[in-house]
């Protein structure tokens, strides 16, 4: 694993936490940031989680010996 892969994995974790938090906020019925803002955060963080994870896996595979 390279430092670049670690950064991508870290980004994936942060985005996944944001997605889960957004789901909980929206399901509570009264999101603190408002429904629109929380929905936007959810809509951005879900694809970012997948993209960052996929990029980290590709980078790790490319740098294996």
Foldseek 3Di string as FASTA:
>chain_A
DDVLLVVLQVLLVVLVVLLVVLVVQVVVVHHPVDNVVSVVSNVVSVVSNVVSNVVSVVVVVVPDD
